[in-house]
C-alpha atoms as a PDB file:
ATOM      1  CA  MET A   1     120.165 124.587 132.430  1.00  0.00           C
ATOM      2  CA  LYS A   2     122.423 122.225 130.106  1.00  0.00           C
ATOM      3  CA  LYS A   3     123.143 121.220 126.865  1.00  0.00           C
ATOM      4  CA  ILE A   4     124.338 117.806 126.147  1.00  0.00           C
ATOM      5  CA  GLU A   5     125.938 117.049 122.785  1.00  0.00           C
ATOM      6  CA  LEU A   6     126.409 113.441 121.759  1.00  0.00           C
ATOM      7  CA  VAL A   7     128.060 111.817 118.707  1.00  0.00           C
ATOM      8  CA  ILE A   8     127.339 108.071 118.346  1.00  0.00           C
ATOM      9  CA  ARG A   9     127.117 105.389 115.691  1.00  0.00           C
ATOM     10  CA  ASP A  10     123.546 104.871 114.585  1.00  0.00           C
ATOM     11  CA  SER A  11     123.398 101.224 116.024  1.00  0.00           C
ATOM     12  CA  GLN A  12     122.985 102.998 119.538  1.00  0.00           C
ATOM     13  CA  CYS A  13     120.283 105.219 118.540  1.00  0.00           C
ATOM     14  CA  GLY A  14     117.642 102.859 119.850  1.00  0.00           C
ATOM     15  CA  ASP A  15     118.879 102.529 123.295  1.00  0.00           C
ATOM     16  CA  ILE A  16     119.582 106.246 123.572  1.00  0.00           C
ATOM     17  CA  GLU A  17     116.331 107.407 122.486  1.00  0.00           C
ATOM     18  CA  ASN A  18     114.577 105.413 124.890  1.00  0.00           C
ATOM     19  CA  ILE A  19     116.496 107.068 127.638  1.00  0.00           C
ATOM     20  CA  LEU A  20     115.646 110.469 126.164  1.00  0.00           C
ATOM     21  CA  THR A  21     111.909 109.653 125.792  1.00  0.00           C
ATOM     22  CA  GLN A  22     111.606 108.195 129.239  1.00  0.00           C
ATOM     23  CA  SER A  23     113.036 111.666 130.458  1.00  0.00           C
ATOM     24  CA  ASN A  24     110.736 113.906 128.605  1.00  0.00           C
ATOM     25  CA  VAL A  25     113.358 116.209 127.622  1.00  0.00           C
ATOM     26  CA  PRO A  26     113.761 117.973 124.218  1.00  0.00           C
ATOM     27  CA  PHE A  27     116.417 116.593 121.814  1.00  0.00           C
ATOM     28  CA  TYR A  28     117.233 116.854 118.163  1.00  0.00           C
ATOM     29  CA  LYS A  29     118.858 114.522 115.748  1.00  0.00           C
ATOM     30  CA  ASN A  30     121.146 115.172 112.951  1.00  0.00           C
ATOM     31  CA  ASN A  31     122.914 112.517 110.609  1.00  0.00           C
ATOM     32  CA  LEU A  32     126.810 113.154 110.352  1.00  0.00           C
ATOM     33  CA  ASN A  33     129.265 112.378 107.449  1.00  0.00           C
ATOM     34  CA  ASN A  34     132.060 110.251 108.841  1.00  0.00           C
ATOM     35  CA  ASN A  35     135.233 111.302 107.193  1.00  0.00           C
ATOM     36  CA  ASN A  36     137.293 108.142 109.139  1.00  0.00           C
ATOM     37  CA  ILE A  37     135.393 105.091 108.594  1.00  0.00           C
ATOM     38  CA  SER A  38     133.016 105.059 105.481  1.00  0.00           C
ATOM     39  CA  ASP A  39     131.016 102.217 106.479  1.00  0.00           C
ATOM     40  CA  VAL A  40     130.090 103.431 109.758  1.00  0.00           C
ATOM     41  CA  LYS A  41     127.092 106.087 110.245  1.00  0.00           C
ATOM     42  CA  LEU A  42     127.307 108.477 112.588  1.00  0.00           C
ATOM     43  CA  VAL A  43     124.238 110.677 114.485  1.00  0.00           C
ATOM     44  CA  GLN A  44     124.468 113.648 116.539  1.00  0.00           C
ATOM     45  CA  TYR A  45     122.126 114.545 119.349  1.00  0.00           C
ATOM     46  CA  ALA A  46     121.524 117.942 121.036  1.00  0.00           C
ATOM     47  CA  ILE A  47     119.843 117.426 124.225  1.00  0.00           C
ATOM     48  CA  PHE A  48     118.432 120.215 126.654  1.00  0.00           C
ATOM     49  CA  SER A  49     117.666 119.448 130.273  1.00  0.00           C
ATOM     50  CA  PRO A  50     117.718 121.125 133.935  1.00  0.00           C
ATOM     51  CA  ASP A  51     120.953 120.377 135.741  1.00  0.00           C
ATOM     52  CA  ASP A  52     119.731 117.597 137.920  1.00  0.00           C
ATOM     53  CA  THR A  53     118.008 115.784 135.088  1.00  0.00           C
ATOM     54  CA  SER A  54     121.039 116.128 132.577  1.00  0.00           C
ATOM     55  CA  ARG A  55     123.424 114.268 135.260  1.00  0.00           C
ATOM     56  CA  ARG A  56     120.858 111.189 135.283  1.00  0.00           C
ATOM     57  CA  ILE A  57     120.708 111.231 131.487  1.00  0.00           C
ATOM     58  CA  MET A  58     124.478 111.469 131.327  1.00  0.00           C
ATOM     59  CA  LYS A  59     124.916 108.548 133.873  1.00  0.00           C
ATOM     60  CA  ASP A  60     122.110 106.429 131.858  1.00  0.00           C
ATOM     61  CA  ILE A  61     123.867 107.004 128.525  1.00  0.00           C
ATOM     62  CA  GLU A  62     127.119 106.187 129.710  1.00  0.00           C
ATOM     63  CA  LYS A  63     126.145 102.591 130.186  1.00  0.00           C
ATOM     64  CA  PHE A  64     125.618 102.365 126.433  1.00  0.00           C
ATOM     65  CA  LEU A  65     128.396 104.538 125.229  1.00  0.00           C
ATOM     66  CA  HIS A  66     131.504 103.077 123.548  1.00  0.00           C
ATOM     67  CA  THR A  67     133.861 105.665 125.014  1.00  0.00           C
ATOM     68  CA  ASP A  68     136.830 103.407 123.782  1.00  0.00           C
ATOM     69  CA  GLN A  69     135.623 104.427 120.124  1.00  0.00           C
ATOM     70  CA  LYS A  70     137.202 107.233 118.345  1.00  0.00           C
ATOM     71  CA  ASP A  71     133.894 108.527 117.062  1.00  0.00           C
ATOM     72  CA  SER A  72     131.729 108.403 120.533  1.00  0.00           C
ATOM     73  CA  ILE A  73     131.660 111.450 122.428  1.00  0.00           C
ATOM     74  CA  MET A  74     129.667 112.984 124.823  1.00  0.00           C
ATOM     75  CA  ALA A  75     130.169 116.805 126.005  1.00  0.00           C
ATOM     76  CA  THR A  76     127.840 119.278 128.133  1.00  0.00           C
ATOM     77  CA  HIS A  77     127.742 123.186 128.021  1.00  0.00           C
ATOM     78  CA  SER A  78     126.147 125.199 130.890  1.00  0.00           C
ATOM     79  CA  LEU A  79     123.538 127.511 129.009  1.00  0.00           C
ATOM     80  CA  GLU A  80     123.451 131.279 130.583  1.00  0.00           C
ATOM     81  CA  ALA A  81     119.566 131.430 129.112  1.00  0.00           C
ATOM     82  CA  THR A  82     116.934 129.486 127.685  1.00  0.00           C
ATOM     83  CA  PHE A  83     113.793 130.437 126.080  1.00  0.00           C
ATOM     84  CA  SER A  84     111.377 127.730 126.521  1.00  0.00           C
ATOM     85  CA  LYS A  85     108.249 127.640 128.751  1.00  0.00           C
ATOM     86  CA  TYR A  86     108.564 123.767 128.489  1.00  0.00           C
ATOM     87  CA  LEU A  87     111.799 123.698 129.919  1.00  0.00           C
ATOM     88  CA  ASN A  88     111.170 126.303 132.616  1.00  0.00           C
ATOM     89  CA  LYS A  89     108.206 124.301 133.555  1.00  0.00           C
ATOM     90  CA  PHE A  90     109.985 121.016 133.442  1.00  0.00           C
ATOM     91  CA  GLU A  91     112.822 122.495 135.396  1.00  0.00           C
ATOM     92  CA  GLU A  92     110.374 123.770 138.174  1.00  0.00           C
ATOM     93  CA  LYS A  93     108.585 120.409 138.405  1.00  0.00           C
ATOM     94  CA  THR A  94     112.194 118.567 138.759  1.00  0.00           C
ATOM     95  CA  SER A  95     112.873 121.068 141.657  1.00  0.00           C
ATOM     96  CA  LYS A  96     109.626 119.951 143.236  1.00  0.00           C
ATOM     97  CA  ASN A  97     110.323 116.212 142.819  1.00  0.00           C
ATOM     98  CA  LYS A  98     114.021 117.002 144.428  1.00  0.00           C
ATOM     99  CA  GLY A  99     112.324 118.446 147.317  1.00  0.00           C
ATOM    100  CA  SER A 100     109.713 115.583 147.798  1.00  0.00           C
ATOM    101  CA  SER A 101     112.772 113.208 147.530  1.00  0.00           C
ATOM    102  CA  LYS A 102     114.765 115.053 150.305  1.00  0.00           C
ATOM    103  CA  LEU A 103     111.568 115.327 152.650  1.00  0.00           C
ATOM    104  CA  ILE A 104     110.953 111.503 151.942  1.00  0.00           C
ATOM    105  CA  GLN A 105     114.683 110.723 152.995  1.00  0.00           C
ATOM    106  CA  GLU A 106     113.841 112.986 156.066  1.00  0.00           C
ATOM    107  CA  PHE A 107     110.919 110.619 157.161  1.00  0.00           C
ATOM    108  CA  ARG A 108     112.602 107.561 156.333  1.00  0.00           C
ATOM    109  CA  THR A 109     115.420 108.549 158.800  1.00  0.00           C
ATOM    110  CA  MET A 110     112.998 109.253 161.456  1.00  0.00           C
ATOM    111  CA  THR A 111     110.767 106.295 161.074  1.00  0.00           C
ATOM    112  CA  GLU A 112     113.305 103.659 160.256  1.00  0.00           C
ATOM    113  CA  PRO A 113     113.956 102.730 164.037  1.00  0.00           C
ATOM    114  CA  ALA A 114     110.147 101.980 164.663  1.00  0.00           C
ATOM    115  CA  VAL A 115     109.603  99.539 161.766  1.00  0.00           C
ATOM    116  CA  ASP A 116     110.703  96.659 163.402  1.00  0.00           C
ATOM    117  CA  ILE A 117     109.578  95.837 167.191  1.00  0.00           C
ATOM    118  CA  ARG A 118     112.015  96.609 170.016  1.00  0.00           C
ATOM    119  CA  ARG A 119     112.257  95.219 173.266  1.00  0.00           C
ATOM    120  CA  ASP A 120     113.010  98.335 175.176  1.00  0.00           C
ATOM    121  CA  LEU A 121     109.802  99.994 173.394  1.00  0.00           C
ATOM    122  CA  LEU A 122     107.729  96.956 174.261  1.00  0.00           C
ATOM    123  CA  PHE A 123     108.836  97.073 177.914  1.00  0.00           C
ATOM    124  CA  VAL A 124     108.034 100.765 178.153  1.00  0.00           C
ATOM    125  CA  VAL A 125     104.560 100.208 176.640  1.00  0.00           C
ATOM    126  CA  LEU A 126     103.886  97.351 179.167  1.00  0.00           C
ATOM    127  CA  ILE A 127     104.949  99.543 182.053  1.00  0.00           C
ATOM    128  CA  ALA A 128     102.558 102.367 180.786  1.00  0.00           C
ATOM    129  CA  SER A 129      99.784  99.978 180.264  1.00  0.00           C
ATOM    130  CA  ALA A 130      99.921  98.572 183.949  1.00  0.00           C
ATOM    131  CA  ALA A 131     100.075 102.381 185.101  1.00  0.00           C
ATOM    132  CA  ALA A 132      97.120 102.865 182.843  1.00  0.00           C
ATOM    133  CA  LEU A 133      95.428  99.984 184.354  1.00  0.00           C
ATOM    134  CA  ILE A 134      95.958 101.329 187.983  1.00  0.00           C
ATOM    135  CA  GLY A 135      94.261 104.603 186.914  1.00  0.00           C
ATOM    136  CA  LEU A 136      91.375 103.302 185.175  1.00  0.00           C
ATOM    137  CA  PHE A 137      90.507 100.936 188.369  1.00  0.00           C
ATOM    138  CA  ALA A 138      91.162 103.913 190.718  1.00  0.00           C
ATOM    139  CA  GLY A 139      89.071 106.092 188.284  1.00  0.00           C
ATOM    140  CA  ASN A 140      92.188 108.720 188.699  1.00  0.00           C
ATOM    141  CA  PRO A 141      92.590 110.794 184.990  1.00  0.00           C
ATOM    142  CA  SER A 142      95.798 112.264 186.580  1.00  0.00           C
ATOM    143  CA  ILE A 143      97.534 108.262 186.630  1.00  0.00           C
ATOM    144  CA  ILE A 144      96.150 107.728 183.195  1.00  0.00           C
ATOM    145  CA  ILE A 145      97.638 110.731 181.860  1.00  0.00           C
ATOM    146  CA  GLY A 146     100.808 110.171 183.770  1.00  0.00           C
ATOM    147  CA  ALA A 147     101.029 106.716 182.094  1.00  0.00           C
ATOM    148  CA  MET A 148     100.522 108.287 178.553  1.00  0.00           C
ATOM    149  CA  LEU A 149     103.869 110.354 178.846  1.00  0.00           C
ATOM    150  CA  ILE A 150     105.786 107.189 178.682  1.00  0.00           C
ATOM    151  CA  ALA A 151     103.984 105.201 176.125  1.00  0.00           C
ATOM    152  CA  PRO A 152     105.867 105.600 173.101  1.00  0.00           C
ATOM    153  CA  LEU A 153     103.344 105.097 170.268  1.00  0.00           C
ATOM    154  CA  LEU A 154     103.774 108.067 167.812  1.00  0.00           C
ATOM    155  CA  LYS A 155     106.728 106.665 165.803  1.00  0.00           C
ATOM    156  CA  PRO A 156     105.205 103.189 165.336  1.00  0.00           C
ATOM    157  CA  ILE A 157     102.038 104.689 163.802  1.00  0.00           C
ATOM    158  CA  THR A 158     103.949 107.279 161.723  1.00  0.00           C
ATOM    159  CA  ALA A 159     106.264 104.546 160.566  1.00  0.00           C
ATOM    160  CA  LEU A 160     103.270 102.225 159.235  1.00  0.00           C
ATOM    161  CA  THR A 161     101.454 105.152 157.601  1.00  0.00           C
ATOM    162  CA  PHE A 162     104.728 106.357 155.991  1.00  0.00           C
ATOM    163  CA  ASN A 163     105.412 102.961 154.260  1.00  0.00           C
ATOM    164  CA  VAL A 164     101.706 102.781 153.395  1.00  0.00           C
ATOM    165  CA  SER A 165     102.215 105.921 151.543  1.00  0.00           C
ATOM    166  CA  LEU A 166     105.252 104.792 149.673  1.00  0.00           C
ATOM    167  CA  PHE A 167     103.950 101.222 148.967  1.00  0.00           C
ATOM    168  CA  ASP A 168     106.699  99.516 150.511  1.00  0.00           C
ATOM    169  CA  THR A 169     104.991  96.129 151.013  1.00  0.00           C
ATOM    170  CA  LYS A 170     108.138  94.577 153.083  1.00  0.00           C
ATOM    171  CA  LYS A 171     108.057  97.449 155.782  1.00  0.00           C
ATOM    172  CA  ILE A 172     104.188  97.718 155.818  1.00  0.00           C
ATOM    173  CA  ILE A 173     104.040  94.270 157.080  1.00  0.00           C
ATOM    174  CA  LYS A 174     106.897  94.836 159.641  1.00  0.00           C
ATOM    175  CA  SER A 175     105.676  97.876 160.771  1.00  0.00           C
ATOM    176  CA  GLY A 176     101.957  96.739 160.958  1.00  0.00           C
ATOM    177  CA  LEU A 177     103.021  93.845 162.833  1.00  0.00           C
ATOM    178  CA  SER A 178     104.911  95.988 165.236  1.00  0.00           C
ATOM    179  CA  VAL A 179     101.857  98.229 166.071  1.00  0.00           C
ATOM    180  CA  SER A 180      99.726  94.935 166.294  1.00  0.00           C
ATOM    181  CA  ILE A 181     102.300  93.232 168.886  1.00  0.00           C
ATOM    182  CA  LEU A 182     102.330  96.461 170.936  1.00  0.00           C
ATOM    183  CA  LEU A 183      98.517  96.787 171.050  1.00  0.00           C
ATOM    184  CA  GLY A 184      98.290  92.995 171.484  1.00  0.00           C
ATOM    185  CA  SER A 185     100.626  93.197 174.465  1.00  0.00           C
ATOM    186  CA  ILE A 186      98.598  96.062 176.233  1.00  0.00           C
ATOM    187  CA  VAL A 187      95.570  93.994 175.932  1.00  0.00           C
ATOM    188  CA  GLY A 188      97.412  90.689 177.275  1.00  0.00           C
ATOM    189  CA  ILE A 189      99.270  92.462 180.233  1.00  0.00           C
ATOM    190  CA  SER A 190      95.876  94.187 181.061  1.00  0.00           C
ATOM    191  CA  THR A 191      94.202  90.939 181.088  1.00  0.00           C
ATOM    192  CA  LEU A 192      96.878  88.988 183.075  1.00  0.00           C
ATOM    193  CA  LEU A 193      97.093  91.712 185.819  1.00  0.00           C
ATOM    194  CA  THR A 194      93.030  92.265 186.143  1.00  0.00           C
ATOM    195  CA  ILE A 195      92.772  88.376 186.515  1.00  0.00           C
ATOM    196  CA  ILE A 196      95.520  88.686 189.359  1.00  0.00           C
ATOM    197  CA  GLY A 197      93.757  91.595 191.050  1.00  0.00           C
ATOM    198  CA  LEU A 198      90.436  89.773 190.827  1.00  0.00           C
ATOM    199  CA  GLN A 199      92.070  87.040 192.926  1.00  0.00           C
ATOM    200  CA  MET A 200      93.235  89.468 195.480  1.00  0.00           C
ATOM    201  CA  ALA A 201      90.155  92.034 195.914  1.00  0.00           C
ATOM    202  CA  PRO A 202      86.753  92.909 194.280  1.00  0.00           C
ATOM    203  CA  LEU A 203      87.333  95.257 191.332  1.00  0.00           C
ATOM    204  CA  GLU A 204      84.590  97.781 189.982  1.00  0.00           C
ATOM    205  CA  ILE A 205      83.759  99.341 186.843  1.00  0.00           C
ATOM    206  CA  THR A 206      84.395 102.893 187.046  1.00  0.00           C
ATOM    207  CA  ASP A 207      83.579 105.853 185.088  1.00  0.00           C
ATOM    208  CA  GLU A 208      86.736 105.911 183.720  1.00  0.00           C
ATOM    209  CA  ILE A 209      86.692 102.493 182.293  1.00  0.00           C
ATOM    210  CA  GLN A 210      82.778 102.920 181.223  1.00  0.00           C
ATOM    211  CA  LEU A 211      84.186 105.948 179.247  1.00  0.00           C
ATOM    212  CA  ARG A 212      86.429 103.725 177.075  1.00  0.00           C
ATOM    213  CA  THR A 213      83.665 101.551 175.886  1.00  0.00           C
ATOM    214  CA  GLU A 214      81.462 104.679 174.263  1.00  0.00           C
ATOM    215  CA  THR A 215      82.122 105.352 170.747  1.00  0.00           C
ATOM    216  CA  SER A 216      81.435 108.399 168.956  1.00  0.00           C
ATOM    217  CA  PRO A 217      82.224 110.157 165.480  1.00  0.00           C
ATOM    218  CA  THR A 218      83.789 112.985 167.597  1.00  0.00           C
ATOM    219  CA  PHE A 219      86.372 110.509 168.896  1.00  0.00           C
ATOM    220  CA  MET A 220      87.216 109.347 165.033  1.00  0.00           C
ATOM    221  CA  ILE A 221      87.498 113.033 164.056  1.00  0.00           C
ATOM    222  CA  LEU A 222      89.839 113.738 167.037  1.00  0.00           C
ATOM    223  CA  ALA A 223      91.837 110.934 166.316  1.00  0.00           C
ATOM    224  CA  VAL A 224      92.176 112.201 162.395  1.00  0.00           C
ATOM    225  CA  VAL A 225      93.409 115.324 163.899  1.00  0.00           C
ATOM    226  CA  LEU A 226      95.861 113.499 166.238  1.00  0.00           C
ATOM    227  CA  GLY A 227      97.470 111.768 163.328  1.00  0.00           C
ATOM    228  CA  MET A 228      97.956 115.007 161.328  1.00  0.00           C
ATOM    229  CA  ALA A 229      99.251 116.572 164.326  1.00  0.00           C
ATOM    230  CA  GLY A 230     101.708 113.732 164.735  1.00  0.00           C
ATOM    231  CA  ALA A 231     102.932 113.812 160.944  1.00  0.00           C
ATOM    232  CA  LEU A 232     103.513 117.653 161.262  1.00  0.00           C
ATOM    233  CA  ALA A 233     105.339 117.383 164.453  1.00  0.00           C
ATOM    234  CA  MET A 234     107.996 115.437 162.647  1.00  0.00           C
ATOM    235  CA  THR A 235     108.852 118.011 160.551  1.00  0.00           C
ATOM    236  CA  SER A 236     107.934 121.152 162.558  1.00  0.00           C
ATOM    237  CA  ASN A 237     108.591 122.993 165.841  1.00  0.00           C
ATOM    238  CA  ILE A 238     105.494 120.929 167.398  1.00  0.00           C
ATOM    239  CA  PRO A 239     106.967 119.302 170.582  1.00  0.00           C
ATOM    240  CA  GLY A 240     106.589 115.526 169.580  1.00  0.00           C
ATOM    241  CA  ILE A 241     106.082 114.602 173.437  1.00  0.00           C
ATOM    242  CA  LEU A 242     102.878 116.523 173.431  1.00  0.00           C
ATOM    243  CA  VAL A 243     101.399 114.875 170.289  1.00  0.00           C
ATOM    244  CA  GLY A 244     102.719 111.572 171.576  1.00  0.00           C
ATOM    245  CA  VAL A 245     100.926 111.918 174.713  1.00  0.00           C
ATOM    246  CA  ALA A 246      97.634 112.405 172.848  1.00  0.00           C
ATOM    247  CA  ILE A 247      98.146 109.493 170.442  1.00  0.00           C
ATOM    248  CA  SER A 248      98.947 107.127 173.434  1.00  0.00           C
ATOM    249  CA  ALA A 249      95.805 108.416 175.405  1.00  0.00           C
ATOM    250  CA  ALA A 250      93.783 107.404 172.258  1.00  0.00           C
ATOM    251  CA  LEU A 251      95.020 103.694 172.154  1.00  0.00           C
ATOM    252  CA  VAL A 252      96.286 102.748 175.318  1.00  0.00           C
ATOM    253  CA  PRO A 253      93.301 103.159 177.674  1.00  0.00           C
ATOM    254  CA  PRO A 254      90.935 101.724 175.227  1.00  0.00           C
ATOM    255  CA  ALA A 255      93.265  98.789 174.634  1.00  0.00           C
ATOM    256  CA  VAL A 256      93.690  98.167 178.390  1.00  0.00           C
ATOM    257  CA  VAL A 257      89.913  98.178 178.703  1.00  0.00           C
ATOM    258  CA  ILE A 258      89.805  95.334 176.301  1.00  0.00           C
ATOM    259  CA  GLY A 259      91.933  93.293 178.496  1.00  0.00           C
ATOM    260  CA  ILE A 260      89.763  94.226 181.395  1.00  0.00           C
ATOM    261  CA  GLY A 261      86.693  93.054 179.663  1.00  0.00           C
ATOM    262  CA  ILE A 262      88.268  89.737 178.800  1.00  0.00           C
ATOM    263  CA  ALA A 263      89.583  88.947 182.279  1.00  0.00           C
ATOM    264  CA  MET A 264      85.849  89.913 183.449  1.00  0.00           C
ATOM    265  CA  LEU A 265      84.364  88.014 180.477  1.00  0.00           C
ATOM    266  CA  ASP A 266      82.179  91.084 180.066  1.00  0.00           C
ATOM    267  CA  TYR A 267      81.051  91.092 176.308  1.00  0.00           C
ATOM    268  CA  ASP A 268      79.616  94.689 176.364  1.00  0.00           C
ATOM    269  CA  ILE A 269      83.149  96.066 177.582  1.00  0.00           C
ATOM    270  CA  ILE A 270      85.229  93.958 174.942  1.00  0.00           C
ATOM    271  CA  VAL A 271      82.903  94.884 172.046  1.00  0.00           C
ATOM    272  CA  GLY A 272      82.513  98.711 173.261  1.00  0.00           C
ATOM    273  CA  ALA A 273      86.455  99.061 173.993  1.00  0.00           C
ATOM    274  CA  SER A 274      87.356  97.182 170.676  1.00  0.00           C
ATOM    275  CA  ILE A 275      85.346  99.606 168.533  1.00  0.00           C
ATOM    276  CA  LEU A 276      86.812 102.671 169.942  1.00  0.00           C
ATOM    277  CA  THR A 277      90.320 101.268 169.664  1.00  0.00           C
ATOM    278  CA  LEU A 278      89.754 100.388 165.875  1.00  0.00           C
ATOM    279  CA  SER A 279      88.137 103.607 165.440  1.00  0.00           C
ATOM    280  CA  ASN A 280      91.262 105.495 166.986  1.00  0.00           C
ATOM    281  CA  VAL A 281      94.014 103.346 164.958  1.00  0.00           C
ATOM    282  CA  ILE A 282      92.031 104.248 161.737  1.00  0.00           C
ATOM    283  CA  GLY A 283      91.610 107.517 162.456  1.00  0.00           C
ATOM    284  CA  LEU A 284      95.321 108.166 163.316  1.00  0.00           C
ATOM    285  CA  LEU A 285      96.449 106.410 160.265  1.00  0.00           C
ATOM    286  CA  LEU A 286      94.116 108.589 158.150  1.00  0.00           C
ATOM    287  CA  GLY A 287      95.426 111.791 159.743  1.00  0.00           C
ATOM    288  CA  THR A 288      99.107 110.828 159.068  1.00  0.00           C
ATOM    289  CA  LEU A 289      98.721 109.474 155.683  1.00  0.00           C
ATOM    290  CA  THR A 290      96.573 112.366 154.581  1.00  0.00           C
ATOM    291  CA  VAL A 291      99.639 114.692 155.356  1.00  0.00           C
ATOM    292  CA  PHE A 292     102.256 112.428 153.822  1.00  0.00           C
ATOM    293  CA  LEU A 293     100.178 112.652 150.690  1.00  0.00           C
ATOM    294  CA  LEU A 294      99.547 116.118 150.685  1.00  0.00           C
ATOM    295  CA  ALA A 295     103.444 116.494 151.392  1.00  0.00           C
ATOM    296  CA  GLY A 296     104.120 114.403 148.324  1.00  0.00           C
ATOM    297  CA  VAL A 297     105.143 111.165 149.869  1.00  0.00           C
ATOM    298  CA  THR A 298     104.678 108.764 147.395  1.00  0.00           C
ATOM    299  CA  PRO A 299     106.504 106.002 145.506  1.00  0.00           C
ATOM    300  CA  LYS A 300     109.354 106.953 143.880  1.00  0.00           C
ATOM    301  CA  GLN A 301     108.422 105.346 140.534  1.00  0.00           C
ATOM    302  CA  TYR A 302     105.158 107.341 140.476  1.00  0.00           C
ATOM    303  CA  HIS A 303     107.045 110.426 140.626  1.00  0.00           C
ATOM    304  CA  GLN A 304     108.535 109.923 137.157  1.00  0.00           C
ATOM    305  CA  LYS A 305     104.770 109.027 135.526  1.00  0.00           C
ATOM    306  CA  ASP A 306     102.049 111.541 136.436  1.00  0.00           C
ATOM    307  CA  THR A 307      99.383 109.617 135.162  1.00  0.00           C
ATOM    308  CA  HIS A 308     100.442 106.476 137.692  1.00  0.00           C
ATOM    309  CA  GLN A 309     100.933 108.810 140.302  1.00  0.00           C
ATOM    310  CA  ILE A 310      97.336 110.364 140.056  1.00  0.00           C
ATOM    311  CA  LYS A 311      95.892 106.859 139.670  1.00  0.00           C
ATOM    312  CA  TYR A 312      97.912 105.876 142.934  1.00  0.00           C
ATOM    313  CA  ILE A 313      96.540 108.734 144.818  1.00  0.00           C
ATOM    314  CA  ILE A 314      92.832 108.131 143.684  1.00  0.00           C
ATOM    315  CA  PHE A 315      93.471 104.526 144.873  1.00  0.00           C
ATOM    316  CA  ILE A 316      94.634 105.696 148.417  1.00  0.00           C
ATOM    317  CA  ILE A 317      92.019 108.132 148.772  1.00  0.00           C
ATOM    318  CA  SER A 318      89.318 105.778 147.792  1.00  0.00           C
ATOM    319  CA  VAL A 319      90.550 103.116 150.249  1.00  0.00           C
ATOM    320  CA  LEU A 320      90.576 105.999 153.190  1.00  0.00           C
ATOM    321  CA  VAL A 321      86.937 106.915 152.091  1.00  0.00           C
ATOM    322  CA  VAL A 322      85.722 103.460 152.287  1.00  0.00           C
ATOM    323  CA  VAL A 323      87.465 102.669 155.764  1.00  0.00           C
ATOM    324  CA  SER A 324      86.459 105.856 157.098  1.00  0.00           C
ATOM    325  CA  VAL A 325      82.683 105.283 156.349  1.00  0.00           C
ATOM    326  CA  VAL A 326      83.226 101.803 157.910  1.00  0.00           C
ATOM    327  CA  SER A 327      84.648 103.279 160.911  1.00  0.00           C
ATOM    328  CA  PHE A 328      82.029 105.964 161.278  1.00  0.00           C
ATOM    329  CA  TRP A 329      79.368 103.390 160.915  1.00  0.00           C
ATOM    330  CA  LEU A 330      81.072 101.419 163.841  1.00  0.00           C
ATOM    331  CA  SER A 331      81.435 104.601 165.977  1.00  0.00           C
ATOM    332  CA  PHE A 332      77.594 105.056 165.616  1.00  0.00           C
END
């Protein structure tokens, strides 16, 4: 805990008190007698705050403090003990916010590479889609699962949700575009390969393809759980590749089946696979967003104003509820 002592001219009081008021720290003001310049009034402030907050306050005050003047002085003292429930709660809250900021930085470092679409990522997804297409027409689950091992969709999904949590509009657009391009590429390559395959031999709708046209609330719930697992895997010892395979399995095969339906001009397949893909995308976003919100990943400015933070969380939860209802309705 720190005590900041500040002596300034009264003309600067407005700027200084704005800083202190926004910081929510207790401070005390005292008018001083100036023995040096009779027409200048001096004011003394005693400010109490946690260490981290005091550094930020001093940095902000330095912008307005005229240190070249003899009568403008700022000093700090470390306090051995303070008897104030308010300051104790304030320090505890500051520590939590500091922990949230560190966690946000860790998430940002992990998800930043997946915000923009990358050629190597796109190429691997196309290969996985082609392999999944073969497995679907062969009716072989082993080939489909093998294809999911190389489909890197975990980080693009978490990157999108992470930026939604921070309400970073630029990166929401970028990461959303990346996910859309990846899914669109899966549909496109599967459509093209299916058309080529139809010219060479008759292709039949297998049980594995038919399975990806059926929707159920169970699939939606599973997608939510997978989304939560994906977010947890980023900050725990859960092997990310295991969760990544499950997430890819929820997205790649249904998207491939959409391409099959387009190539065969089968409306039922297109609609069924599209609804399943959409439900799984929404479920994954719901799951990861829930974990991020519980971990305190919210816009930086909302950490400074509790009322705004609460309003933001209520807004996000409301959107999630509406989207969930729509998705469940589609799955029925």
